[in-house]
Amino acid sequence: MARLKPWEDNDESWAIIEPPLPEKQRRTRRPGRKRLDDRLALQGVLFVRPRRRPDGVLADRGYGHDEYRKQVRSLGVRPLIARRGTEHGSGLGEQRRVVKNSAGS
């Protein structure tokens, strides 16, 4: 049998988790987007959970307010945000572009 990945749950754990989940009925008028399978949603949560916090965060000048910097520092992450009114050409945009391209944007 193939070994499960850390975010995949086995049938025994799902048998414990599934019964208390509410049964959500879909509206007939304007039903909206179909509901995602509960088991897949749980796996998504488990996939994101073990990831570690980044050392730094790259952002545009629009997020350069001191309040945003304080919030990021309070999480233990170093803000790499260009200050407003400073020269362009620090190289931050090149780094950000690489991150953005690797994220599929």
Protein backbone atom coordinates (compact mmCIF):
# COMPACT_ATOMS: atom_id res chain seq x y z
CA MET A 1 0.00 0.00 0.00
CA ALA A 2 1.29 3.48 -0.84
CA ARG A 3 2.33 5.66 2.07
CA LEU A 4 -0.01 8.59 2.73
CA LYS A 5 1.28 12.13 2.46
CA PRO A 6 1.07 14.22 5.67
CA TRP A 7 -2.07 16.06 4.51
CA GLU A 8 -3.94 12.94 3.39
CA ASP A 9 -6.21 11.32 5.95
CA ASN A 10 -6.89 7.63 6.22
CA ASP A 11 -10.34 6.05 6.33
CA GLU A 12 -10.21 5.43 10.09
CA SER A 13 -9.61 9.09 10.93
CA TRP A 14 -12.23 10.20 8.41
CA ALA A 15 -14.78 7.87 10.07
CA ILE A 16 -14.24 9.87 13.30
CA ILE A 17 -14.24 13.31 11.66
CA GLU A 18 -17.18 12.94 9.26
CA PRO A 19 -20.17 12.25 11.59
CA PRO A 20 -20.17 15.61 13.46
CA LEU A 21 -19.91 17.64 10.22
CA PRO A 22 -23.19 19.43 9.43
CA GLU A 23 -25.24 18.28 6.46
CA LYS A 24 -25.41 21.34 4.25
CA GLN A 25 -28.40 21.44 1.91
CA ARG A 26 -27.95 23.29 -1.37
CA ARG A 27 -30.41 26.06 -2.20
CA THR A 28 -32.62 25.40 -5.19
CA ARG A 29 -32.91 29.05 -6.20
CA ARG A 30 -29.52 30.59 -6.98
CA PRO A 31 -27.54 27.66 -5.69
CA GLY A 32 -24.18 29.29 -6.34
CA ARG A 33 -20.96 27.37 -6.58
CA LYS A 34 -21.06 23.66 -5.81
CA ARG A 35 -19.80 22.80 -2.36
CA LEU A 36 -16.34 21.28 -2.19
CA ASP A 37 -16.12 17.78 -0.82
CA ASP A 38 -15.56 17.94 2.96
CA ARG A 39 -12.73 15.45 2.82
CA LEU A 40 -10.89 17.49 0.17
CA ALA A 41 -11.39 20.66 2.21
CA LEU A 42 -9.85 18.97 5.26
CA GLN A 43 -6.89 17.82 3.20
CA GLY A 44 -6.38 21.41 2.02
CA VAL A 45 -6.25 22.62 5.63
CA LEU A 46 -3.82 19.86 6.58
CA PHE A 47 -1.63 20.66 3.56
CA VAL A 48 -1.22 24.32 4.52
CA ARG A 49 -0.83 23.77 8.26
CA PRO A 50 2.69 22.28 8.53
CA ARG A 51 4.33 24.93 6.36
CA ARG A 52 6.87 27.12 8.09
CA ARG A 53 6.76 30.89 8.37
CA PRO A 54 8.89 32.79 5.82
CA ASP A 55 11.95 34.77 6.94
CA GLY A 56 10.90 37.85 4.99
CA VAL A 57 8.06 39.22 2.92
CA LEU A 58 8.39 41.26 -0.29
CA ALA A 59 5.80 43.95 -1.02
CA ASP A 60 5.10 47.06 -3.10
CA ARG A 61 5.49 50.62 -1.86
CA GLY A 62 1.74 50.70 -1.33
CA TYR A 63 2.26 48.51 1.74
CA GLY A 64 5.11 50.65 3.06
CA HIS A 65 3.12 52.18 5.91
CA ASP A 66 4.74 51.74 9.32
CA GLU A 67 1.62 50.03 10.66
CA TYR A 68 1.95 47.24 8.08
CA ARG A 69 5.64 46.88 8.90
CA LYS A 70 4.81 46.55 12.63
CA GLN A 71 2.19 43.89 11.91
CA VAL A 72 4.63 41.85 9.85
CA ARG A 73 7.40 42.19 12.47
CA SER A 74 5.00 41.11 15.23
CA LEU A 75 4.66 37.79 13.38
CA GLY A 76 8.42 37.36 13.40
CA VAL A 77 8.81 38.09 9.68
CA ARG A 78 11.19 40.72 8.28
CA PRO A 79 9.40 43.17 5.96
CA LEU A 80 11.26 43.89 2.70
CA ILE A 81 9.11 46.80 1.61
CA ALA A 82 10.47 49.77 -0.33
CA ARG A 83 9.90 53.11 1.38
CA ARG A 84 7.80 55.69 -0.40
CA GLY A 85 9.80 58.49 -1.98
CA THR A 86 12.98 56.41 -2.31
CA GLU A 87 14.78 55.80 -5.60
CA HIS A 88 13.69 52.93 -7.73
CA GLY A 89 16.34 50.44 -8.62
CA SER A 90 16.89 48.71 -5.29
CA GLY A 91 16.39 45.35 -7.00
CA LEU A 92 13.34 44.50 -4.91
CA GLY A 93 11.15 44.43 -8.01
CA GLU A 94 13.37 41.84 -9.65
CA GLN A 95 13.07 39.58 -6.62
CA ARG A 96 9.32 40.11 -6.41
CA ARG A 97 8.89 39.34 -10.09
CA VAL A 98 10.64 36.00 -9.66
CA VAL A 99 8.38 35.13 -6.73
CA LYS A 100 5.29 36.22 -8.65
CA ASN A 101 6.28 34.20 -11.72
CA SER A 102 6.96 31.11 -9.64
CA ALA A 103 3.51 31.46 -8.04
CA GLY A 104 1.91 31.21 -11.48
CA SER A 105 0.67 34.80 -11.65
